[in-house]
């Protein structure tokens, strides 16, 4: 599922979990172990993260699998903690990290890219975003915290609340990515060229710059992740989350307004259930993904 190769001083971490490169608990554990390997390998001075599949970078979580989660509070909280811990380790790797995004980077895939130092993305069909709101949940891999720090609160609020999936040109305009490239091969070339330049820089300078950036960034971020953890857990405790996930699996429009009365009656008549789950990404192997992508295209043209 994750493959690590090294060419000279640059390592390439390639994601290969077809059809959608959906993130799993096993992949998070593997990623954490590979981060340790990269940290300890003095021959590696820069890291490119890419996909073995040109149309998909990472499409987030497997929503059909999410429908079968153990929704008890402790179990879901452990899932959120695993994602947070893994992406923090990736962010804190002392070597520069670069995302080569040739295809869709949605949900957890976008959150993974946000934890890296640089992002290059292909023009064309590829989309990046956090579409969780459309399922009645919220991002649970640091997206609510890292995105506004990168693009500002106004852009982040629009992307998060509408669950927008945007193309490379718009992502570059708002500062979500470093550069929009003409196509997949051009994206990979740009990522590797930057990695090779960074690998030639003094090791101590790069390490100390990353440390300073992270130390100045992390104090506030850790508090923010704790806030996200609670909000993501509460989101899956709501009836709308169950409806959103069920609608996705059943390939039908979600009826969120039908859930409002159920939530209100629960609040009025009995104690609200414990918060249940963490926000995850989307899986593109579904017609709803194509419909939402079309909506993003219409929004961009407008």
C-alpha atoms as a PDB file:
ATOM      1  CA  UNK A   1       0.000   0.000   0.000  1.00  0.00           C
ATOM      2  CA  UNK A   2       2.926   2.337   0.672  1.00  0.00           C
ATOM      3  CA  UNK A   3       6.207   1.967  -1.190  1.00  0.00           C
ATOM      4  CA  UNK A   4       9.438   3.788  -0.405  1.00  0.00           C
ATOM      5  CA  UNK A   5      12.202   4.225  -2.988  1.00  0.00           C
ATOM      6  CA  UNK A   6      15.312   6.393  -2.944  1.00  0.00           C
ATOM      7  CA  UNK A   7      17.167   7.989  -5.820  1.00  0.00           C
ATOM      8  CA  UNK A   8      20.235   9.756  -4.578  1.00  0.00           C
ATOM      9  CA  UNK A   9      19.292  12.035  -1.694  1.00  0.00           C
ATOM     10  CA  UNK A  10      15.583  12.120  -2.575  1.00  0.00           C
ATOM     11  CA  UNK A  11      13.104   9.502  -1.327  1.00  0.00           C
ATOM     12  CA  UNK A  12       9.753   8.886  -3.001  1.00  0.00           C
ATOM     13  CA  UNK A  13       6.857   7.573  -0.946  1.00  0.00           C
ATOM     14  CA  UNK A  14       4.286   6.142  -3.344  1.00  0.00           C
ATOM     15  CA  UNK A  15       0.678   5.443  -2.299  1.00  0.00           C
ATOM     16  CA  UNK A  16      -0.856   2.351  -3.886  1.00  0.00           C
ATOM     17  CA  UNK A  17      -4.207   1.253  -2.472  1.00  0.00           C
ATOM     18  CA  UNK A  18      -6.574   0.963  -5.472  1.00  0.00           C
ATOM     19  CA  UNK A  19      -9.112   1.878  -6.563  1.00  0.00           C
ATOM     20  CA  UNK A  20      -9.227   5.174  -4.653  1.00  0.00           C
ATOM     21  CA  UNK A  21      -6.109   5.069  -2.447  1.00  0.00           C
ATOM     22  CA  UNK A  22      -8.520   5.207   0.489  1.00  0.00           C
ATOM     23  CA  UNK A  23      -6.816   5.672   3.861  1.00  0.00           C
ATOM     24  CA  UNK A  24      -7.098   2.820   6.366  1.00  0.00           C
ATOM     25  CA  UNK A  25      -5.880   2.287   9.923  1.00  0.00           C
ATOM     26  CA  UNK A  26      -3.203  -0.047   8.540  1.00  0.00           C
ATOM     27  CA  UNK A  27      -1.985   2.679   6.166  1.00  0.00           C
ATOM     28  CA  UNK A  28      -1.737   5.216   8.990  1.00  0.00           C
ATOM     29  CA  UNK A  29       0.381   2.780  11.011  1.00  0.00           C
ATOM     30  CA  UNK A  30       2.582   2.067   7.982  1.00  0.00           C
ATOM     31  CA  UNK A  31       2.959   5.779   7.269  1.00  0.00           C
ATOM     32  CA  UNK A  32       4.068   6.449  10.837  1.00  0.00           C
ATOM     33  CA  UNK A  33       6.666   3.689  10.585  1.00  0.00           C
ATOM     34  CA  UNK A  34       7.959   5.040   7.259  1.00  0.00           C
ATOM     35  CA  UNK A  35       8.290   8.531   8.736  1.00  0.00           C
ATOM     36  CA  UNK A  36      10.573   7.040  11.392  1.00  0.00           C
ATOM     37  CA  UNK A  37      12.572   5.252   8.677  1.00  0.00           C
ATOM     38  CA  UNK A  38      12.979   8.497   6.737  1.00  0.00           C
ATOM     39  CA  UNK A  39      13.993  10.410   9.860  1.00  0.00           C
ATOM     40  CA  UNK A  40      16.727   7.937  10.685  1.00  0.00           C
ATOM     41  CA  UNK A  41      18.114   7.632   7.135  1.00  0.00           C
ATOM     42  CA  UNK A  42      20.872  10.246   6.867  1.00  0.00           C
ATOM     43  CA  UNK A  43      21.133   9.630   3.122  1.00  0.00           C
ATOM     44  CA  UNK A  44      17.626  11.049   2.611  1.00  0.00           C
ATOM     45  CA  UNK A  45      17.488  14.833   2.456  1.00  0.00           C
ATOM     46  CA  UNK A  46      14.077  15.432   0.828  1.00  0.00           C
ATOM     47  CA  UNK A  47      10.869  13.422   0.357  1.00  0.00           C
ATOM     48  CA  UNK A  48       8.326  13.411  -2.492  1.00  0.00           C
ATOM     49  CA  UNK A  49       4.916  11.865  -1.783  1.00  0.00           C
ATOM     50  CA  UNK A  50       2.978  10.728  -4.820  1.00  0.00           C
ATOM     51  CA  UNK A  51       0.429   8.160  -6.014  1.00  0.00           C
ATOM     52  CA  UNK A  52       0.812   5.039  -8.099  1.00  0.00           C
ATOM     53  CA  UNK A  53      -2.483   5.979  -9.797  1.00  0.00           C
ATOM     54  CA  UNK A  54      -2.520   9.148 -11.945  1.00  0.00           C
ATOM     55  CA  UNK A  55      -6.201  10.009 -11.433  1.00  0.00           C
ATOM     56  CA  UNK A  56      -6.115   9.698  -7.632  1.00  0.00           C
ATOM     57  CA  UNK A  57      -3.715  11.131  -5.061  1.00  0.00           C
ATOM     58  CA  UNK A  58      -5.721  10.066  -2.015  1.00  0.00           C
ATOM     59  CA  UNK A  59      -9.524  10.065  -1.964  1.00  0.00           C
ATOM     60  CA  UNK A  60      -9.841  10.069   1.824  1.00  0.00           C
ATOM     61  CA  UNK A  61     -11.598   7.386   3.818  1.00  0.00           C
ATOM     62  CA  UNK A  62     -13.657   4.517   2.484  1.00  0.00           C
ATOM     63  CA  UNK A  63     -17.167   5.772   3.244  1.00  0.00           C
ATOM     64  CA  UNK A  64     -18.719   2.342   2.793  1.00  0.00           C
ATOM     65  CA  UNK A  65     -16.323   1.018   5.427  1.00  0.00           C
ATOM     66  CA  UNK A  66     -17.170   4.009   7.637  1.00  0.00           C
ATOM     67  CA  UNK A  67     -20.789   2.857   7.684  1.00  0.00           C
ATOM     68  CA  UNK A  68     -19.560  -0.267   9.488  1.00  0.00           C
ATOM     69  CA  UNK A  69     -17.452   1.567  12.104  1.00  0.00           C
ATOM     70  CA  UNK A  70     -17.656   0.777  15.785  1.00  0.00           C
ATOM     71  CA  UNK A  71     -19.297   4.074  16.739  1.00  0.00           C
ATOM     72  CA  UNK A  72     -18.692   3.807  20.464  1.00  0.00           C
ATOM     73  CA  UNK A  73     -16.975   6.947  21.663  1.00  0.00           C
ATOM     74  CA  UNK A  74     -13.721   5.298  22.728  1.00  0.00           C
ATOM     75  CA  UNK A  75     -13.265   3.423  19.443  1.00  0.00           C
ATOM     76  CA  UNK A  76     -13.870   6.465  17.253  1.00  0.00           C
ATOM     77  CA  UNK A  77     -11.720   8.730  19.414  1.00  0.00           C
ATOM     78  CA  UNK A  78      -8.847   6.284  18.955  1.00  0.00           C
ATOM     79  CA  UNK A  79      -9.289   6.560  15.180  1.00  0.00           C
ATOM     80  CA  UNK A  80      -9.123  10.361  15.319  1.00  0.00           C
ATOM     81  CA  UNK A  81      -6.051  10.209  17.544  1.00  0.00           C
ATOM     82  CA  UNK A  82      -4.320   7.838  15.106  1.00  0.00           C
ATOM     83  CA  UNK A  83      -4.886  10.247  12.196  1.00  0.00           C
ATOM     84  CA  UNK A  84      -3.815  13.315  14.182  1.00  0.00           C
ATOM     85  CA  UNK A  85      -0.683  11.616  15.514  1.00  0.00           C
ATOM     86  CA  UNK A  86       0.347  10.292  12.093  1.00  0.00           C
ATOM     87  CA  UNK A  87      -0.047  13.608  10.283  1.00  0.00           C
ATOM     88  CA  UNK A  88       1.755  15.446  13.098  1.00  0.00           C
ATOM     89  CA  UNK A  89       4.685  13.052  12.746  1.00  0.00           C
ATOM     90  CA  UNK A  90       4.677  13.656   8.999  1.00  0.00           C
ATOM     91  CA  UNK A  91       4.592  17.425   9.509  1.00  0.00           C
ATOM     92  CA  UNK A  92       7.456  17.265  12.023  1.00  0.00           C
ATOM     93  CA  UNK A  93       9.775  15.178   9.831  1.00  0.00           C
ATOM     94  CA  UNK A  94      13.023  17.148   9.831  1.00  0.00           C
ATOM     95  CA  UNK A  95      13.413  16.773   6.050  1.00  0.00           C
ATOM     96  CA  UNK A  96      11.389  18.798   3.523  1.00  0.00           C
ATOM     97  CA  UNK A  97       8.293  17.044   2.175  1.00  0.00           C
ATOM     98  CA  UNK A  98       6.612  17.671  -1.167  1.00  0.00           C
ATOM     99  CA  UNK A  99       3.231  16.470  -2.453  1.00  0.00           C
ATOM    100  CA  UNK A 100       2.981  15.604  -6.140  1.00  0.00           C
ATOM    101  CA  UNK A 101      -0.799  15.740  -6.658  1.00  0.00           C
ATOM    102  CA  UNK A 102      -1.647  14.404 -10.108  1.00  0.00           C
ATOM    103  CA  UNK A 103      -5.216  13.330  -9.277  1.00  0.00           C
ATOM    104  CA  UNK A 104      -7.921  13.958  -6.701  1.00  0.00           C
ATOM    105  CA  UNK A 105      -6.826  14.848  -3.151  1.00  0.00           C
ATOM    106  CA  UNK A 106      -9.991  14.801  -1.072  1.00  0.00           C
ATOM    107  CA  UNK A 107     -10.807  14.501   2.610  1.00  0.00           C
ATOM    108  CA  UNK A 108      -7.896  12.743   4.293  1.00  0.00           C
ATOM    109  CA  UNK A 109      -5.887  13.112   1.084  1.00  0.00           C
ATOM    110  CA  UNK A 110      -6.158  16.880   1.275  1.00  0.00           C
ATOM    111  CA  UNK A 111      -5.330  16.725   4.991  1.00  0.00           C
ATOM    112  CA  UNK A 112      -2.232  14.659   4.260  1.00  0.00           C
ATOM    113  CA  UNK A 113      -1.106  17.243   1.695  1.00  0.00           C
ATOM    114  CA  UNK A 114      -1.712  20.043   4.211  1.00  0.00           C
ATOM    115  CA  UNK A 115       0.741  18.348   6.598  1.00  0.00           C
ATOM    116  CA  UNK A 116       3.525  18.591   3.999  1.00  0.00           C
ATOM    117  CA  UNK A 117       5.815  21.542   3.290  1.00  0.00           C
ATOM    118  CA  UNK A 118       5.100  21.973  -0.428  1.00  0.00           C
ATOM    119  CA  UNK A 119       2.276  21.004  -2.784  1.00  0.00           C
ATOM    120  CA  UNK A 120       2.304  20.784  -6.596  1.00  0.00           C
ATOM    121  CA  UNK A 121      -0.916  19.903  -8.409  1.00  0.00           C
ATOM    122  CA  UNK A 122      -1.882  19.024 -11.984  1.00  0.00           C
ATOM    123  CA  UNK A 123      -4.353  21.077 -13.975  1.00  0.00           C
ATOM    124  CA  UNK A 124      -7.248  19.255 -15.602  1.00  0.00           C
ATOM    125  CA  UNK A 125      -9.602  16.844 -13.857  1.00  0.00           C
ATOM    126  CA  UNK A 126      -7.811  16.763 -10.483  1.00  0.00           C
ATOM    127  CA  UNK A 127      -9.656  18.327  -7.553  1.00  0.00           C
ATOM    128  CA  UNK A 128      -8.598  19.091  -4.000  1.00  0.00           C
ATOM    129  CA  UNK A 129     -10.869  19.768  -1.045  1.00  0.00           C
ATOM    130  CA  UNK A 130     -12.583  18.676   2.142  1.00  0.00           C
ATOM    131  CA  UNK A 131     -16.086  17.488   1.171  1.00  0.00           C
ATOM    132  CA  UNK A 132     -17.059  16.036   4.572  1.00  0.00           C
ATOM    133  CA  UNK A 133     -19.813  18.587   5.253  1.00  0.00           C
ATOM    134  CA  UNK A 134     -21.853  17.026   2.447  1.00  0.00           C
ATOM    135  CA  UNK A 135     -21.952  13.799   4.474  1.00  0.00           C
ATOM    136  CA  UNK A 136     -23.053  15.513   7.671  1.00  0.00           C
ATOM    137  CA  UNK A 137     -19.599  15.171   9.275  1.00  0.00           C
ATOM    138  CA  UNK A 138     -16.468  17.332   9.483  1.00  0.00           C
ATOM    139  CA  UNK A 139     -12.782  16.810   8.684  1.00  0.00           C
ATOM    140  CA  UNK A 140     -11.018  14.910  11.451  1.00  0.00           C
ATOM    141  CA  UNK A 141      -7.419  14.819  10.234  1.00  0.00           C
ATOM    142  CA  UNK A 142      -6.402  18.386  11.003  1.00  0.00           C
ATOM    143  CA  UNK A 143      -8.220  19.997   8.071  1.00  0.00           C
ATOM    144  CA  UNK A 144     -10.173  22.516  10.152  1.00  0.00           C
ATOM    145  CA  UNK A 145      -6.903  23.724  11.678  1.00  0.00           C
ATOM    146  CA  UNK A 146      -4.248  23.552   8.949  1.00  0.00           C
ATOM    147  CA  UNK A 147      -6.413  24.870   6.104  1.00  0.00           C
ATOM    148  CA  UNK A 148      -7.199  28.323   7.603  1.00  0.00           C
ATOM    149  CA  UNK A 149      -3.550  28.700   8.650  1.00  0.00           C
ATOM    150  CA  UNK A 150      -2.585  28.203   5.017  1.00  0.00           C
ATOM    151  CA  UNK A 151      -5.282  30.061   3.049  1.00  0.00           C
ATOM    152  CA  UNK A 152      -6.918  32.334   5.636  1.00  0.00           C
ATOM    153  CA  UNK A 153     -10.196  32.024   7.467  1.00  0.00           C
ATOM    154  CA  UNK A 154     -12.507  33.307   4.703  1.00  0.00           C
ATOM    155  CA  UNK A 155     -11.299  30.899   2.022  1.00  0.00           C
ATOM    156  CA  UNK A 156     -11.175  28.044   4.540  1.00  0.00           C
ATOM    157  CA  UNK A 157     -14.721  28.694   5.752  1.00  0.00           C
ATOM    158  CA  UNK A 158     -16.079  28.552   2.200  1.00  0.00           C
ATOM    159  CA  UNK A 159     -14.204  25.376   1.304  1.00  0.00           C
ATOM    160  CA  UNK A 160     -15.112  23.639   4.568  1.00  0.00           C
ATOM    161  CA  UNK A 161     -18.751  24.674   4.904  1.00  0.00           C
ATOM    162  CA  UNK A 162     -19.661  24.022   1.266  1.00  0.00           C
ATOM    163  CA  UNK A 163     -17.406  20.998   0.917  1.00  0.00           C
ATOM    164  CA  UNK A 164     -16.028  22.474  -2.284  1.00  0.00           C
ATOM    165  CA  UNK A 165     -13.641  20.570  -4.527  1.00  0.00           C
ATOM    166  CA  UNK A 166     -11.468  23.000  -6.432  1.00  0.00           C
ATOM    167  CA  UNK A 167      -9.084  22.769  -9.367  1.00  0.00           C
ATOM    168  CA  UNK A 168      -5.359  23.504  -9.386  1.00  0.00           C
ATOM    169  CA  UNK A 169      -5.612  27.077 -10.658  1.00  0.00           C
ATOM    170  CA  UNK A 170      -8.010  28.149  -7.926  1.00  0.00           C
ATOM    171  CA  UNK A 171      -5.986  26.237  -5.336  1.00  0.00           C
ATOM    172  CA  UNK A 172      -2.895  28.174  -6.402  1.00  0.00           C
ATOM    173  CA  UNK A 173      -4.723  31.527  -6.311  1.00  0.00           C
ATOM    174  CA  UNK A 174      -5.780  31.061  -2.684  1.00  0.00           C
ATOM    175  CA  UNK A 175      -2.414  29.665  -1.587  1.00  0.00           C
ATOM    176  CA  UNK A 176      -3.501  26.057  -1.016  1.00  0.00           C
ATOM    177  CA  UNK A 177      -0.775  24.772  -3.359  1.00  0.00           C
ATOM    178  CA  UNK A 178       2.593  26.175  -4.406  1.00  0.00           C
ATOM    179  CA  UNK A 179       2.076  25.748  -8.145  1.00  0.00           C
ATOM    180  CA  UNK A 180      -0.433  24.472 -10.699  1.00  0.00           C
ATOM    181  CA  UNK A 181       1.304  22.350 -13.347  1.00  0.00           C
ATOM    182  CA  UNK A 182       0.145  21.540 -16.860  1.00  0.00           C
ATOM    183  CA  UNK A 183      -0.380  17.806 -16.332  1.00  0.00           C
ATOM    184  CA  UNK A 184       0.633  14.831 -14.214  1.00  0.00           C
ATOM    185  CA  UNK A 185       4.147  14.344 -15.603  1.00  0.00           C
ATOM    186  CA  UNK A 186       4.854  18.079 -15.282  1.00  0.00           C
ATOM    187  CA  UNK A 187       3.647  17.941 -11.668  1.00  0.00           C
ATOM    188  CA  UNK A 188       5.987  15.093 -10.811  1.00  0.00           C
ATOM    189  CA  UNK A 189       8.902  16.836 -12.551  1.00  0.00           C
ATOM    190  CA  UNK A 190       8.273  20.046 -10.607  1.00  0.00           C
ATOM    191  CA  UNK A 191       8.119  18.151  -7.314  1.00  0.00           C
ATOM    192  CA  UNK A 192      11.348  16.273  -8.047  1.00  0.00           C
ATOM    193  CA  UNK A 193      13.183  19.384  -9.249  1.00  0.00           C
ATOM    194  CA  UNK A 194      12.342  21.167  -5.995  1.00  0.00           C
ATOM    195  CA  UNK A 195      13.295  18.080  -3.966  1.00  0.00           C
ATOM    196  CA  UNK A 196      16.683  17.903  -5.678  1.00  0.00           C
ATOM    197  CA  UNK A 197      17.306  21.603  -5.035  1.00  0.00           C
ATOM    198  CA  UNK A 198      16.376  21.202  -1.377  1.00  0.00           C
ATOM    199  CA  UNK A 199      18.599  18.127  -1.077  1.00  0.00           C
ATOM    200  CA  UNK A 200      21.578  20.294  -2.042  1.00  0.00           C
ATOM    201  CA  UNK A 201      20.932  22.795   0.747  1.00  0.00           C
ATOM    202  CA  UNK A 202      22.803  22.570   4.085  1.00  0.00           C
ATOM    203  CA  UNK A 203      21.174  19.842   6.169  1.00  0.00           C
ATOM    204  CA  UNK A 204      21.386  21.832   9.413  1.00  0.00           C
ATOM    205  CA  UNK A 205      19.743  24.918   7.882  1.00  0.00           C
ATOM    206  CA  UNK A 206      16.788  22.937   6.558  1.00  0.00           C
ATOM    207  CA  UNK A 207      16.361  21.063   9.843  1.00  0.00           C
ATOM    208  CA  UNK A 208      16.454  24.226  11.953  1.00  0.00           C
ATOM    209  CA  UNK A 209      14.124  26.150   9.635  1.00  0.00           C
ATOM    210  CA  UNK A 210      11.573  23.319   9.800  1.00  0.00           C
ATOM    211  CA  UNK A 211      11.957  23.136  13.554  1.00  0.00           C
ATOM    212  CA  UNK A 212      11.401  26.889  13.914  1.00  0.00           C
ATOM    213  CA  UNK A 213       8.381  26.803  11.620  1.00  0.00           C
ATOM    214  CA  UNK A 214       6.839  23.866  13.474  1.00  0.00           C
ATOM    215  CA  UNK A 215       7.633  25.142  16.983  1.00  0.00           C
ATOM    216  CA  UNK A 216       6.016  28.485  16.197  1.00  0.00           C
ATOM    217  CA  UNK A 217       3.066  26.752  14.558  1.00  0.00           C
ATOM    218  CA  UNK A 218       2.432  23.751  16.779  1.00  0.00           C
ATOM    219  CA  UNK A 219       1.498  25.328  20.108  1.00  0.00           C
ATOM    220  CA  UNK A 220      -1.649  26.815  18.675  1.00  0.00           C
ATOM    221  CA  UNK A 221      -2.157  23.834  16.372  1.00  0.00           C
ATOM    222  CA  UNK A 222      -2.223  21.285  19.192  1.00  0.00           C
ATOM    223  CA  UNK A 223      -4.959  23.215  20.963  1.00  0.00           C
ATOM    224  CA  UNK A 224      -6.822  23.474  17.650  1.00  0.00           C
ATOM    225  CA  UNK A 225      -6.542  19.744  17.025  1.00  0.00           C
ATOM    226  CA  UNK A 226      -8.005  19.071  20.459  1.00  0.00           C
ATOM    227  CA  UNK A 227     -10.953  21.293  19.511  1.00  0.00           C
ATOM    228  CA  UNK A 228     -11.321  19.507  16.171  1.00  0.00           C
ATOM    229  CA  UNK A 229     -11.202  16.138  17.938  1.00  0.00           C
ATOM    230  CA  UNK A 230     -14.213  17.031  20.073  1.00  0.00           C
ATOM    231  CA  UNK A 231     -16.155  18.572  17.188  1.00  0.00           C
ATOM    232  CA  UNK A 232     -15.439  15.665  14.851  1.00  0.00           C
ATOM    233  CA  UNK A 233     -16.573  13.239  17.525  1.00  0.00           C
ATOM    234  CA  UNK A 234     -19.783  15.184  18.103  1.00  0.00           C
ATOM    235  CA  UNK A 235     -20.514  15.308  14.362  1.00  0.00           C
ATOM    236  CA  UNK A 236     -20.906  11.548  14.048  1.00  0.00           C
ATOM    237  CA  UNK A 237     -23.154  11.576  17.091  1.00  0.00           C
ATOM    238  CA  UNK A 238     -25.702  13.559  15.081  1.00  0.00           C
ATOM    239  CA  UNK A 239     -28.511  11.960  13.105  1.00  0.00           C
ATOM    240  CA  UNK A 240     -27.422  13.908  10.026  1.00  0.00           C
ATOM    241  CA  UNK A 241     -24.138  12.009   9.913  1.00  0.00           C
ATOM    242  CA  UNK A 242     -25.929   8.687   9.840  1.00  0.00           C
ATOM    243  CA  UNK A 243     -28.183   9.980   7.077  1.00  0.00           C
ATOM    244  CA  UNK A 244     -25.274  11.368   5.048  1.00  0.00           C
ATOM    245  CA  UNK A 245     -23.267   8.150   5.228  1.00  0.00           C
ATOM    246  CA  UNK A 246     -26.325   5.998   4.493  1.00  0.00           C
ATOM    247  CA  UNK A 247     -27.244   8.176   1.497  1.00  0.00           C
ATOM    248  CA  UNK A 248     -23.715   7.861   0.121  1.00  0.00           C
ATOM    249  CA  UNK A 249     -23.724   4.076   0.445  1.00  0.00           C
ATOM    250  CA  UNK A 250     -27.240   3.813  -1.036  1.00  0.00           C
ATOM    251  CA  UNK A 251     -26.380   6.282  -3.855  1.00  0.00           C
ATOM    252  CA  UNK A 252     -29.269   8.633  -3.180  1.00  0.00           C
ATOM    253  CA  UNK A 253     -29.587  12.300  -2.183  1.00  0.00           C
ATOM    254  CA  UNK A 254     -29.282  12.887   1.543  1.00  0.00           C
ATOM    255  CA  UNK A 255     -32.405  14.103   3.354  1.00  0.00           C
ATOM    256  CA  UNK A 256     -30.728  16.212   6.025  1.00  0.00           C
ATOM    257  CA  UNK A 257     -33.785  18.329   6.820  1.00  0.00           C
ATOM    258  CA  UNK A 258     -35.684  15.212   7.845  1.00  0.00           C
ATOM    259  CA  UNK A 259     -33.065  14.706  10.556  1.00  0.00           C
ATOM    260  CA  UNK A 260     -33.544  18.091  12.236  1.00  0.00           C
ATOM    261  CA  UNK A 261     -36.788  17.159  13.954  1.00  0.00           C
ATOM    262  CA  UNK A 262     -35.257  13.901  15.178  1.00  0.00           C
ATOM    263  CA  UNK A 263     -32.296  15.763  16.683  1.00  0.00           C
ATOM    264  CA  UNK A 264     -34.592  18.318  18.325  1.00  0.00           C
ATOM    265  CA  UNK A 265     -36.841  15.646  19.836  1.00  0.00           C
ATOM    266  CA  UNK A 266     -33.818  13.770  21.156  1.00  0.00           C
ATOM    267  CA  UNK A 267     -32.471  16.914  22.775  1.00  0.00           C
ATOM    268  CA  UNK A 268     -35.805  17.795  24.333  1.00  0.00           C
ATOM    269  CA  UNK A 269     -36.878  14.347  25.443  1.00  0.00           C
ATOM    270  CA  UNK A 270     -33.718  12.558  26.507  1.00  0.00           C
ATOM    271  CA  UNK A 271     -30.026  12.939  27.000  1.00  0.00           C
ATOM    272  CA  UNK A 272     -28.126  13.341  23.720  1.00  0.00           C
ATOM    273  CA  UNK A 273     -26.063  10.259  22.753  1.00  0.00           C
ATOM    274  CA  UNK A 274     -22.329  10.356  23.319  1.00  0.00           C
ATOM    275  CA  UNK A 275     -20.337  11.920  20.498  1.00  0.00           C
ATOM    276  CA  UNK A 276     -19.340   9.162  18.173  1.00  0.00           C
ATOM    277  CA  UNK A 277     -16.933   9.809  15.354  1.00  0.00           C
ATOM    278  CA  UNK A 278     -14.150  11.590  13.512  1.00  0.00           C
ATOM    279  CA  UNK A 279     -14.464  13.290  10.135  1.00  0.00           C
ATOM    280  CA  UNK A 280     -12.873  11.457   7.253  1.00  0.00           C
ATOM    281  CA  UNK A 281     -12.532  11.970   3.562  1.00  0.00           C
ATOM    282  CA  UNK A 282     -14.566  10.970   0.536  1.00  0.00           C
ATOM    283  CA  UNK A 283     -14.278   7.989  -1.793  1.00  0.00           C
ATOM    284  CA  UNK A 284     -14.403   8.936  -5.471  1.00  0.00           C
ATOM    285  CA  UNK A 285     -15.705   5.598  -6.738  1.00  0.00           C
ATOM    286  CA  UNK A 286     -19.305   6.792  -6.546  1.00  0.00           C
ATOM    287  CA  UNK A 287     -21.677   8.771  -8.712  1.00  0.00           C
ATOM    288  CA  UNK A 288     -22.162  11.391  -6.006  1.00  0.00           C
ATOM    289  CA  UNK A 289     -18.473  12.256  -6.286  1.00  0.00           C
ATOM    290  CA  UNK A 290     -18.914  12.982 -10.001  1.00  0.00           C
ATOM    291  CA  UNK A 291     -21.949  15.127  -9.298  1.00  0.00           C
ATOM    292  CA  UNK A 292     -20.095  17.158  -6.651  1.00  0.00           C
ATOM    293  CA  UNK A 293     -17.087  17.504  -8.943  1.00  0.00           C
ATOM    294  CA  UNK A 294     -19.384  18.884 -11.632  1.00  0.00           C
ATOM    295  CA  UNK A 295     -20.697  21.385  -9.114  1.00  0.00           C
ATOM    296  CA  UNK A 296     -17.164  22.498  -8.394  1.00  0.00           C
ATOM    297  CA  UNK A 297     -16.562  23.015 -12.121  1.00  0.00           C
ATOM    298  CA  UNK A 298     -19.707  25.146 -12.418  1.00  0.00           C
ATOM    299  CA  UNK A 299     -18.671  27.205  -9.370  1.00  0.00           C
ATOM    300  CA  UNK A 300     -15.219  27.795 -10.851  1.00  0.00           C
ATOM    301  CA  UNK A 301     -16.595  28.885 -14.231  1.00  0.00           C
ATOM    302  CA  UNK A 302     -19.002  31.272 -12.465  1.00  0.00           C
END
